[in-house]
Every structure is written in structure tokens, then in C-alpha cells.
């Protein structure tokens, strides 16, 4: 989809060129170490730490390196892993954040570290789930689907943080799909969500068939919403409905075409789960994206107080959670769904079995005017221009930015074509994880 005239695109690109010059003048910054999921030695603990045990399900390719476990490439099969993550004492960390090790091995007193990473066979998952469900009064399972620009370890530590800070008595299950963890790999990541639909659908069906599981909640963020909606839609088409045990689906900043979202809601049928749309009107990263490029309407970018969306949301019985008034440690206000206030709210509502919407929480009386989740359609060259402000904040983006820039040459001023989503990347500048 071509946005604007060639002259308009060149003007926009020229305006961003000073940012590129500033970026290239910045010194290189050391990134965080690789292999952070290599379990620390047995007995290496610290007083006051907490532990989150989760089932990790992925169709990523094995990394073949200790502590990395899985890469961003697509694998030929679905793998299952029992992971245990140690979280530093609450007195030494800010809720809503992830503390990454600065060197290996990590220090449990100050860092998120892995305690175990044991492969499982699919046939052994029900036994693992049964043991874990003994700690949950309502036999609840929370399935998390991350968004764009997430490495395997990003997804693991972020989910551990959400589970810990929510305080919810749930069995955590992470579905992590093949994402290359690069702000410039939007196209690859988007196709990876399509590649992953059967894997997530199979996981949800397996959990729903387990007689020990009482209730399933799905939490998806950004691009992960497309994967979640497509998997649920497939299930409804195959089975006649979404499994009854899947009670709640929370759509945080969904990067989903509005027309495709409508089709998914329709195909899931009347007996679909309760849907909650999380929006925020002060997402600065997406404001920059919208100023530079346009795109088809995204579900996460609608104004739910305006028609036709207001009537549609009411008709479809979709709840709205307005996060505009929520304070976040993220200066760009994109990762609010993982903030301490929001995850505490989610935990309480999950425990009480109540819907999650503005009608039940004091997060504001008005629905937002704009929301998170839009993706921008831009060329590789123009994507570099858009990514430049992100790279200034994000050391990991800076590490590879120069290589990308040299491959593009002068194309930044006259090409438009591929797609980049700024939604996830800025999170690393504040919390150490993209989305």
C-alpha cells in the first residue's frame, strides 16, 4: 500500500535524516549478555526471592546453545519446556519491571535468573499441569502470547514478571512464536504469527481437554493478538465453537486489521469467550509512528467512543479497559499492560472471576480517543528513519542499526513497501524487554 506521493515521502525522510546523523554519532553500547536462561548453580539463592514456574510452548527452532534454548527462526515441531525463574526480592526491584543480568551468571539477589529449564514431551504435559494446578483454587490457566520483537528470553522473563506482580493463583503457560527480536523484522514476525496458528490452537485444545483444568484465560499483546484471534477462529471453525473452558481473552494493544478482527469475532460465534480490549491514549511511540506513516485501521488504534466502533463494541459485548490514566515506568507509555497497577488489577479480577472492563475499575470515566497497536507501512529505507529515534533509546537496536543502514544506501529517500511496528522495541530502554 503506497502512502502519499513520492515527493511527500522524500520530505518526510529528509526531515528524519538529522536523527540518523545523530544516531551514527553515538558510541556503541554493550548489550546484555546472551545465555541468560542457563540455570544458576543449585543452591545459589538469595533471601526474599520469589519463584515462577511455567510451561513454555514454542515452535521456534532450537538455538543449540546453553542458556539460549530457542532462536528466532521457525522450527519444524512444537517444543515444551518446564522453566523456573527466580525474581529478586520485592524490596530491591520496581514492580512492573524486569531486572536483566549484566553479566553471567546472574545474581538472584538483583537479577531475574533461571533455576531450571527441563524439556518435556507433549504426553507429559498433563502430569505437569496437574501438579501445578494443585496450587490454584480455581484451577485456572493463564496463556500469554507475546508481541512483535521478542526474543525467547524476552518473552520468558516478561511473563514471569507479569505472573509474579499480578499475584494471581494461575498456572502460567507461555506460547512463544518465532520472532527475530529486531525492530526491522516486522515482515518476518508477521508471517511467523500465521506460521504459528496451528501450534497455539493445539495447545489451547489440549488444555481445554484436560479434565484437571477448570478455566483458561488468554492474554495477548500487540502482534500476538493476531495469532490469538486466528487460532481461536480456527478452533471455532473446526469444532463449531471456541472451547467452553476458554472464558476470557484480553487483547492488549492489538496490531490487527479492523476488518480481519470483525471477521474473527463473527467466526468465533455467539458462544465465544469474553473479550476485553486494552487501550491507552498517551502511547508516545505510536504517536510518532502515526505522524510519519499511515495504514489501514487497526483494532488497537480505533477510538472506541466514536461510531461505528462504539456501537460495534457494544453489540459484540467487548469490554474496554482504559489505561490512559495509568502511570508507567515506560517513558513511551507502550507497555502499560505489564505495569504493576495493571497486572495487580488483572490478578484480582482473575481471582474473583469478574469481567475486566472500565465498568468495574477506577481507571477513568471516558474511553480513549486514540489507542495502541497500529503498525506502519513503510519501506526498508524509511523504516530505518522511523527506527532511528528508537535506536537512540535502545542499545540493542543500535548494535545492528549500522549494518541495516549500510545495506539500504540511498533508498531512505525514495522507497516505500515493507512494514515496521515501533510498538515493542522502546520497552527495552526502560524495562529490558520489548513487549
Protein backbone atom coordinates (compact mmCIF):
# COMPACT_ATOMS: atom_id res chain seq x y z
CA UNK A 1 0.00 0.00 0.00
CA UNK A 2 1.54 3.32 -1.07
CA UNK A 3 1.12 6.18 1.39
CA UNK A 4 1.26 9.71 -0.06
CA UNK A 5 3.19 10.90 -3.09
CA UNK A 6 6.83 10.23 -3.76
CA UNK A 7 7.56 13.88 -3.01
CA UNK A 8 5.77 13.63 0.34
CA UNK A 9 7.78 10.56 1.28
CA UNK A 10 11.03 12.26 0.38
CA UNK A 11 10.14 15.28 2.50
CA UNK A 12 9.39 13.05 5.48
CA UNK A 13 12.61 11.11 5.03
CA UNK A 14 14.70 14.32 4.74
CA UNK A 15 13.19 15.60 7.97
CA UNK A 16 14.37 12.45 9.71
CA UNK A 17 17.89 12.46 8.28
CA UNK A 18 19.30 14.61 11.15
CA UNK A 19 18.14 11.89 13.52
CA UNK A 20 20.10 9.33 11.50
CA UNK A 21 23.21 11.50 11.69
CA UNK A 22 22.81 11.83 15.45
CA UNK A 23 22.36 8.10 15.75
CA UNK A 24 25.51 7.25 13.84
CA UNK A 25 27.47 9.67 16.02
CA UNK A 26 26.51 7.78 19.17
CA UNK A 27 29.07 5.41 20.67
CA UNK A 28 28.34 1.72 20.59
CA UNK A 29 26.66 0.42 23.71
CA UNK A 30 27.25 -3.03 25.15
CA UNK A 31 24.11 -5.15 25.08
CA UNK A 32 23.00 -7.60 27.71
CA UNK A 33 24.72 -10.99 27.79
CA UNK A 34 23.36 -13.97 25.86
CA UNK A 35 22.60 -17.27 27.54
CA UNK A 36 20.69 -15.74 30.46
CA UNK A 37 18.45 -18.83 30.70
CA UNK A 38 21.34 -21.10 31.70
CA UNK A 39 20.20 -22.22 35.18
CA UNK A 40 22.29 -20.93 38.05
CA UNK A 41 24.10 -23.50 40.12
CA UNK A 42 21.99 -25.50 42.55
CA UNK A 43 21.83 -23.84 45.94
CA UNK A 44 22.61 -20.35 44.59
CA UNK A 45 19.73 -18.36 46.05
CA UNK A 46 19.12 -15.14 47.95
CA UNK A 47 16.76 -14.31 50.83
CA UNK A 48 13.39 -12.87 49.79
CA UNK A 49 13.43 -14.06 46.19
CA UNK A 50 10.31 -15.43 44.52
CA UNK A 51 9.93 -18.23 42.02
CA UNK A 52 7.65 -18.55 38.99
CA UNK A 53 7.33 -21.95 37.35
CA UNK A 54 5.84 -22.00 33.88
CA UNK A 55 5.22 -24.24 30.93
CA UNK A 56 6.77 -22.78 27.79
CA UNK A 57 5.42 -23.96 24.45
CA UNK A 58 7.15 -22.85 21.27
CA UNK A 59 7.52 -23.55 17.58
CA UNK A 60 10.88 -21.74 17.46
CA UNK A 61 13.97 -23.55 16.26
CA UNK A 62 16.36 -24.83 18.90
CA UNK A 63 19.24 -22.42 19.42
CA UNK A 64 21.74 -25.19 20.11
CA UNK A 65 23.49 -23.02 22.70
CA UNK A 66 23.34 -23.33 26.50
CA UNK A 67 21.17 -20.69 28.07
CA UNK A 68 19.62 -19.51 24.79
CA UNK A 69 17.38 -22.55 24.28
CA UNK A 70 15.46 -21.28 21.23
CA UNK A 71 16.26 -18.84 18.43
CA UNK A 72 14.06 -16.52 16.41
CA UNK A 73 13.89 -18.95 13.48
CA UNK A 74 10.94 -21.21 12.71
CA UNK A 75 11.13 -24.78 13.92
CA UNK A 76 9.74 -27.94 12.39
CA UNK A 77 7.91 -29.02 15.55
CA UNK A 78 6.39 -27.68 18.77
CA UNK A 79 8.59 -27.98 21.85
CA UNK A 80 7.64 -27.99 25.55
CA UNK A 81 9.85 -26.83 28.43
CA UNK A 82 9.37 -26.54 32.17
CA UNK A 83 11.09 -23.30 33.15
CA UNK A 84 11.54 -21.88 36.64
CA UNK A 85 12.51 -18.22 37.02
CA UNK A 86 13.81 -16.58 40.19
CA UNK A 87 12.73 -12.98 40.77
CA UNK A 88 14.68 -10.60 43.04
CA UNK A 89 13.19 -9.54 46.39
CA UNK A 90 10.36 -7.04 46.08
CA UNK A 91 12.31 -4.63 48.28
CA UNK A 92 15.06 -4.37 45.66
CA UNK A 93 13.02 -4.11 42.45
CA UNK A 94 10.33 -1.91 40.97
CA UNK A 95 7.12 -3.78 40.27
CA UNK A 96 6.35 -3.94 36.57
CA UNK A 97 9.99 -4.18 35.52
CA UNK A 98 12.45 -6.91 34.56
CA UNK A 99 15.96 -6.82 36.02
CA UNK A 100 18.33 -8.31 33.44
CA UNK A 101 21.69 -9.78 34.44
CA UNK A 102 24.57 -7.51 33.47
CA UNK A 103 26.94 -10.47 33.43
CA UNK A 104 26.77 -14.25 33.73
CA UNK A 105 25.92 -15.95 35.91
CA UNK A 106 23.17 -13.64 37.11
CA UNK A 107 22.78 -12.77 40.77
CA UNK A 108 19.42 -13.91 42.23
CA UNK A 109 19.57 -11.04 44.73
CA UNK A 110 19.41 -8.45 41.95
CA UNK A 111 18.54 -10.21 38.68
CA UNK A 112 15.96 -12.40 37.03
CA UNK A 113 17.67 -15.77 36.64
CA UNK A 114 16.66 -19.25 35.52
CA UNK A 115 16.59 -22.00 38.11
CA UNK A 116 15.70 -24.85 35.78
CA UNK A 117 14.94 -25.49 32.11
CA UNK A 118 13.74 -29.05 31.60
CA UNK A 119 12.42 -30.31 28.24
CA UNK A 120 9.05 -32.07 28.32
CA UNK A 121 7.32 -34.37 25.89
CA UNK A 122 3.78 -33.42 24.88
CA UNK A 123 2.44 -36.57 26.52
CA UNK A 124 3.94 -35.45 29.85
CA UNK A 125 2.28 -32.01 29.84
CA UNK A 126 -0.96 -33.16 31.59
CA UNK A 127 1.06 -34.53 34.51
CA UNK A 128 2.98 -31.25 34.79
CA UNK A 129 -0.25 -29.26 34.61
CA UNK A 130 -1.86 -31.45 37.24
CA UNK A 131 0.97 -30.83 39.71
CA UNK A 132 0.87 -27.08 39.03
CA UNK A 133 -2.92 -26.84 39.35
CA UNK A 134 -2.77 -28.06 42.93
CA UNK A 135 -1.65 -24.52 43.83
CA UNK A 136 -4.69 -22.91 42.13
CA UNK A 137 -8.02 -22.91 43.95
CA UNK A 138 -10.00 -22.33 40.74
CA UNK A 139 -7.77 -24.49 38.54
CA UNK A 140 -7.08 -21.53 36.28
CA UNK A 141 -4.54 -21.47 33.44
CA UNK A 142 -3.19 -18.19 32.03
CA UNK A 143 -1.82 -18.42 28.48
CA UNK A 144 0.35 -15.49 27.38
CA UNK A 145 1.09 -14.69 23.72
CA UNK A 146 3.77 -12.01 23.32
CA UNK A 147 4.05 -9.42 20.58
CA UNK A 148 6.48 -8.28 17.91
CA UNK A 149 10.24 -8.01 18.51
CA UNK A 150 10.61 -10.57 21.29
CA UNK A 151 13.48 -12.96 21.72
CA UNK A 152 12.81 -16.17 23.58
CA UNK A 153 14.30 -14.88 26.83
CA UNK A 154 12.37 -11.60 26.48
CA UNK A 155 9.08 -13.47 26.49
CA UNK A 156 10.08 -15.75 29.39
CA UNK A 157 11.22 -13.01 31.76
CA UNK A 158 8.37 -10.65 30.87
CA UNK A 159 5.77 -13.33 31.52
CA UNK A 160 7.44 -14.26 34.80
CA UNK A 161 7.21 -10.60 35.82
CA UNK A 162 3.51 -10.40 34.91
CA UNK A 163 2.65 -13.57 36.82
CA UNK A 164 4.61 -12.53 39.90
CA UNK A 165 3.34 -8.96 40.03
CA UNK A 166 -0.28 -9.97 39.43
CA UNK A 167 -0.33 -12.27 42.43
CA UNK A 168 -2.86 -14.42 40.58
CA UNK A 169 -3.20 -18.07 41.53
CA UNK A 170 -2.89 -19.31 37.97
CA UNK A 171 -0.84 -21.88 36.14
CA UNK A 172 1.36 -19.87 33.74
CA UNK A 173 1.66 -21.15 30.16
CA UNK A 174 3.71 -19.13 27.68
CA UNK A 175 3.27 -19.63 23.95
CA UNK A 176 6.25 -18.02 22.24
CA UNK A 177 6.33 -17.89 18.46
CA UNK A 178 9.32 -17.28 16.14
CA UNK A 179 10.25 -13.61 16.45
CA UNK A 180 13.73 -12.45 15.47
CA UNK A 181 13.80 -9.79 18.18
CA UNK A 182 14.65 -6.96 15.77
CA UNK A 183 12.79 -3.71 15.20
CA UNK A 184 13.41 -4.18 11.47
CA UNK A 185 11.99 -7.72 11.21
CA UNK A 186 8.32 -6.78 11.19
CA UNK A 187 7.52 -8.68 7.99
CA UNK A 188 9.18 -11.88 9.18
CA UNK A 189 7.46 -11.66 12.55
CA UNK A 190 4.05 -11.04 10.97
CA UNK A 191 4.39 -14.15 8.80
CA UNK A 192 5.58 -16.10 11.84
CA UNK A 193 2.24 -15.47 13.54
CA UNK A 194 0.49 -17.10 10.59
CA UNK A 195 3.00 -19.95 10.77
CA UNK A 196 2.12 -20.44 14.45
CA UNK A 197 -1.67 -20.63 14.33
CA UNK A 198 -1.91 -24.40 14.42
CA UNK A 199 0.57 -24.63 17.28
CA UNK A 200 -1.36 -22.26 19.54
CA UNK A 201 -4.69 -23.81 18.60
CA UNK A 202 -3.37 -27.26 19.50
CA UNK A 203 -2.08 -26.01 22.85
CA UNK A 204 -5.43 -24.39 23.72
CA UNK A 205 -7.32 -27.51 22.68
CA UNK A 206 -5.04 -29.77 24.75
CA UNK A 207 -5.52 -27.57 27.83
CA UNK A 208 -9.29 -27.44 27.33
CA UNK A 209 -9.49 -31.24 27.07
CA UNK A 210 -7.55 -31.72 30.31
CA UNK A 211 -10.17 -32.60 32.99
CA UNK A 212 -7.96 -31.05 35.68
CA UNK A 213 -8.15 -27.60 34.04
CA UNK A 214 -11.14 -25.55 35.15
CA UNK A 215 -10.73 -22.28 33.27
CA UNK A 216 -8.40 -20.74 30.67
CA UNK A 217 -7.60 -17.05 30.15
CA UNK A 218 -5.62 -15.83 27.13
CA UNK A 219 -3.58 -12.62 27.35
CA UNK A 220 -2.13 -11.37 24.05
CA UNK A 221 -0.10 -8.26 23.29
CA UNK A 222 0.35 -6.26 20.08
CA UNK A 223 1.08 -8.59 17.14
CA UNK A 224 0.36 -11.60 19.34
CA UNK A 225 -3.31 -10.63 19.18
CA UNK A 226 -3.43 -11.59 15.51
CA UNK A 227 -2.10 -15.03 16.39
CA UNK A 228 -4.54 -15.43 19.29
CA UNK A 229 -7.60 -14.35 17.30
CA UNK A 230 -6.69 -16.51 14.31
CA UNK A 231 -6.12 -19.57 16.49
CA UNK A 232 -9.44 -19.12 18.29
CA UNK A 233 -11.17 -18.54 14.96
CA UNK A 234 -9.69 -21.77 13.58
CA UNK A 235 -10.84 -23.66 16.66
CA UNK A 236 -14.38 -22.35 16.26
CA UNK A 237 -14.46 -23.32 12.58
CA UNK A 238 -13.10 -26.83 13.25
CA UNK A 239 -15.11 -27.59 16.38
CA UNK A 240 -18.21 -25.46 15.96
CA UNK A 241 -17.25 -23.15 18.84
CA UNK A 242 -14.35 -21.99 20.97
CA UNK A 243 -13.74 -24.44 23.82
CA UNK A 244 -16.02 -23.57 26.74
CA UNK A 245 -13.16 -23.52 29.23
CA UNK A 246 -11.59 -20.54 27.45
CA UNK A 247 -13.52 -17.88 29.39
CA UNK A 248 -11.53 -14.66 28.91
CA UNK A 249 -9.39 -13.25 26.10
CA UNK A 250 -7.56 -9.99 26.84
CA UNK A 251 -6.42 -8.03 23.78
CA UNK A 252 -3.65 -5.62 24.80
CA UNK A 253 -2.79 -3.00 22.14
CA UNK A 254 -3.84 -5.33 19.29
CA UNK A 255 -2.00 -4.87 16.00
CA UNK A 256 -4.85 -6.37 13.97
CA UNK A 257 -6.61 -5.04 10.87
CA UNK A 258 -10.09 -3.92 11.90
CA UNK A 259 -11.82 -5.81 9.09
CA UNK A 260 -9.99 -9.02 9.97
CA UNK A 261 -10.89 -8.52 13.64
CA UNK A 262 -14.57 -8.25 12.68
CA UNK A 263 -14.30 -11.50 10.73
CA UNK A 264 -12.63 -13.26 13.65
CA UNK A 265 -15.31 -12.10 16.10
CA UNK A 266 -18.01 -13.33 13.73
CA UNK A 267 -16.40 -16.69 13.07
CA UNK A 268 -15.90 -17.36 16.79
CA UNK A 269 -19.69 -17.31 17.12
CA UNK A 270 -22.03 -16.27 19.92
CA UNK A 271 -20.52 -18.69 22.45
CA UNK A 272 -17.07 -17.10 22.25
CA UNK A 273 -15.04 -16.04 25.32
CA UNK A 274 -15.45 -12.66 26.99
CA UNK A 275 -13.24 -10.22 25.08
CA UNK A 276 -11.52 -7.23 26.66
CA UNK A 277 -9.75 -4.58 24.60
CA UNK A 278 -6.96 -2.68 26.39
CA UNK A 279 -6.28 0.81 25.05
CA UNK A 280 -4.20 3.83 26.00
CA UNK A 281 -4.44 7.32 24.60
CA UNK A 282 -0.95 8.50 25.54
CA UNK A 283 1.26 5.97 23.73
CA UNK A 284 4.13 8.17 22.54
CA UNK A 285 5.85 5.52 20.42
CA UNK A 286 2.70 5.01 18.39
CA UNK A 287 2.09 8.75 18.17
CA UNK A 288 5.44 9.10 16.38
CA UNK A 289 4.54 6.20 14.10
CA UNK A 290 1.18 7.73 13.20
CA UNK A 291 2.74 11.11 12.44
CA UNK A 292 5.13 9.61 9.90
CA UNK A 293 3.11 6.87 8.20
CA UNK A 294 -0.48 5.82 7.69
CA UNK A 295 -2.05 2.37 7.41
CA UNK A 296 -5.35 0.54 7.34
CA UNK A 297 -7.38 0.86 10.53
CA UNK A 298 -6.00 -1.32 13.34
CA UNK A 299 -8.18 -2.69 16.12
CA UNK A 300 -5.84 -1.19 18.71
CA UNK A 301 -5.90 2.25 17.06
CA UNK A 302 -9.64 2.88 16.95
CA UNK A 303 -11.43 5.48 19.04
CA UNK A 304 -13.94 3.25 20.86
CA UNK A 305 -16.06 6.26 21.82
CA UNK A 306 -16.78 7.13 18.20
CA UNK A 307 -19.04 5.47 15.67
CA UNK A 308 -19.13 2.96 14.15
CA UNK A 309 -16.78 1.44 16.74
CA UNK A 310 -18.79 2.33 19.84
CA UNK A 311 -21.89 0.53 18.57
CA UNK A 312 -19.84 -2.38 17.26
CA UNK A 313 -18.09 -2.92 20.58
CA UNK A 314 -21.39 -2.77 22.45
CA UNK A 315 -23.04 -5.14 20.00
CA UNK A 316 -20.16 -7.60 20.22
CA UNK A 317 -20.11 -7.25 24.03
CA UNK A 318 -16.41 -6.35 24.03
CA UNK A 319 -15.18 -4.71 27.23
CA UNK A 320 -12.85 -1.72 27.19
CA UNK A 321 -10.03 -1.22 29.68
CA UNK A 322 -8.84 2.38 29.54
CA UNK A 323 -5.20 2.57 30.64
CA UNK A 324 -4.71 6.23 29.74
CA UNK A 325 -4.58 7.30 33.38
CA UNK A 326 -2.22 4.53 34.45
CA UNK A 327 1.31 5.62 35.36
CA UNK A 328 4.04 3.55 33.78
CA UNK A 329 7.80 3.29 34.20
CA UNK A 330 7.95 3.20 30.41
CA UNK A 331 8.51 6.81 29.32
CA UNK A 332 6.92 5.98 25.95
CA UNK A 333 3.76 4.58 27.57
CA UNK A 334 3.52 1.48 25.42
CA UNK A 335 3.92 -1.42 27.84
CA UNK A 336 1.24 -0.46 30.35
CA UNK A 337 -0.38 -3.88 30.25
CA UNK A 338 2.67 -5.17 32.17
CA UNK A 339 2.80 -2.31 34.68
CA UNK A 340 2.37 -3.01 38.37
CA UNK A 341 -1.05 -1.38 38.62
CA UNK A 342 -2.49 -3.23 35.66
CA UNK A 343 -1.16 -6.68 36.48
CA UNK A 344 -2.40 -6.30 40.06
CA UNK A 345 -5.81 -5.47 38.65
CA UNK A 346 -5.69 -8.45 36.30
CA UNK A 347 -4.72 -10.73 39.13
CA UNK A 348 -7.60 -9.59 41.31
CA UNK A 349 -10.17 -9.85 38.55
CA UNK A 350 -8.93 -13.30 37.54
CA UNK A 351 -9.13 -14.46 41.14
CA UNK A 352 -12.66 -13.06 41.54
CA UNK A 353 -13.87 -14.38 38.19
CA UNK A 354 -15.10 -10.92 37.19
CA UNK A 355 -15.01 -9.28 33.76
CA UNK A 356 -12.17 -6.84 33.22
CA UNK A 357 -13.50 -3.53 31.91
CA UNK A 358 -13.92 0.14 32.77
CA UNK A 359 -17.27 -0.55 34.32
CA UNK A 360 -15.55 -2.41 37.16
CA UNK A 361 -12.34 -0.46 37.72
CA UNK A 362 -11.49 3.15 38.55
CA UNK A 363 -9.17 3.86 35.64
CA UNK A 364 -11.17 6.73 34.11
CA UNK A 365 -14.69 7.65 33.10
CA UNK A 366 -14.06 8.24 29.41
CA UNK A 367 -12.95 5.88 26.70
CA UNK A 368 -9.72 6.81 24.99
CA UNK A 369 -9.50 9.00 21.90
CA UNK A 370 -6.66 7.03 20.36
CA UNK A 371 -5.19 3.66 21.23
CA UNK A 372 -2.16 1.47 20.91
CA UNK A 373 -1.33 -1.22 18.42
CA UNK A 374 -1.09 0.45 15.00
CA UNK A 375 1.55 -0.74 12.60
CA UNK A 376 3.05 1.48 9.93
CA UNK A 377 3.54 0.50 6.32
CA UNK A 378 6.95 1.77 5.28
CA UNK A 379 9.88 0.78 3.12
CA UNK A 380 13.06 -0.70 4.49
CA UNK A 381 14.83 2.61 3.99
CA UNK A 382 12.04 4.63 5.53
CA UNK A 383 11.79 2.06 8.32
CA UNK A 384 15.35 2.91 9.28
CA UNK A 385 14.37 6.54 9.56
CA UNK A 386 11.41 5.68 11.75
CA UNK A 387 13.54 3.30 13.83
CA UNK A 388 16.26 5.88 14.42
CA UNK A 389 14.63 7.51 17.47
CA UNK A 390 14.08 4.02 18.88
CA UNK A 391 17.73 3.10 18.37
CA UNK A 392 18.85 6.19 20.23
CA UNK A 393 16.99 4.90 23.27
CA UNK A 394 17.60 1.22 22.69
CA UNK A 395 21.17 -0.15 22.86
CA UNK A 396 20.17 -3.47 21.30
CA UNK A 397 18.77 -1.73 18.21
CA UNK A 398 21.97 0.34 17.93
CA UNK A 399 24.06 -2.82 17.79
CA UNK A 400 22.63 -3.81 14.39
CA UNK A 401 21.45 -0.47 13.05
CA UNK A 402 24.65 0.41 11.22
CA UNK A 403 24.57 -2.86 9.29
CA UNK A 404 20.97 -2.27 8.24
CA UNK A 405 21.76 1.29 7.19
CA UNK A 406 24.72 0.24 5.01
CA UNK A 407 22.50 -2.27 3.21
CA UNK A 408 19.95 0.39 2.35
CA UNK A 409 22.19 3.14 0.95
CA UNK A 410 20.21 5.98 -0.51
CA UNK A 411 16.90 4.14 -0.52
CA UNK A 412 15.73 6.03 2.56
CA UNK A 413 14.55 8.94 0.43
CA UNK A 414 12.55 7.22 -2.27
CA UNK A 415 11.17 3.82 -1.31
CA UNK A 416 8.05 2.60 0.44
CA UNK A 417 6.98 -1.02 0.80
CA UNK A 418 7.70 -3.18 3.83
CA UNK A 419 6.24 -2.91 7.28
CA UNK A 420 7.68 -1.95 10.65
CA UNK A 421 5.96 -1.73 14.02
CA UNK A 422 7.59 0.50 16.61
CA UNK A 423 5.26 -0.79 19.27
CA UNK A 424 7.58 -3.21 21.05
CA UNK A 425 11.15 -2.01 20.71
CA UNK A 426 11.18 1.04 23.01
CA UNK A 427 10.39 -1.09 26.04
CA UNK A 428 13.99 -2.27 26.27
CA UNK A 429 15.15 1.23 27.02
CA UNK A 430 13.18 1.15 30.26
CA UNK A 431 12.45 -2.41 31.30
CA UNK A 432 14.89 -4.51 29.34
CA UNK A 433 12.24 -6.23 27.24
CA UNK A 434 10.39 -5.24 24.09
CA UNK A 435 6.72 -6.05 24.64
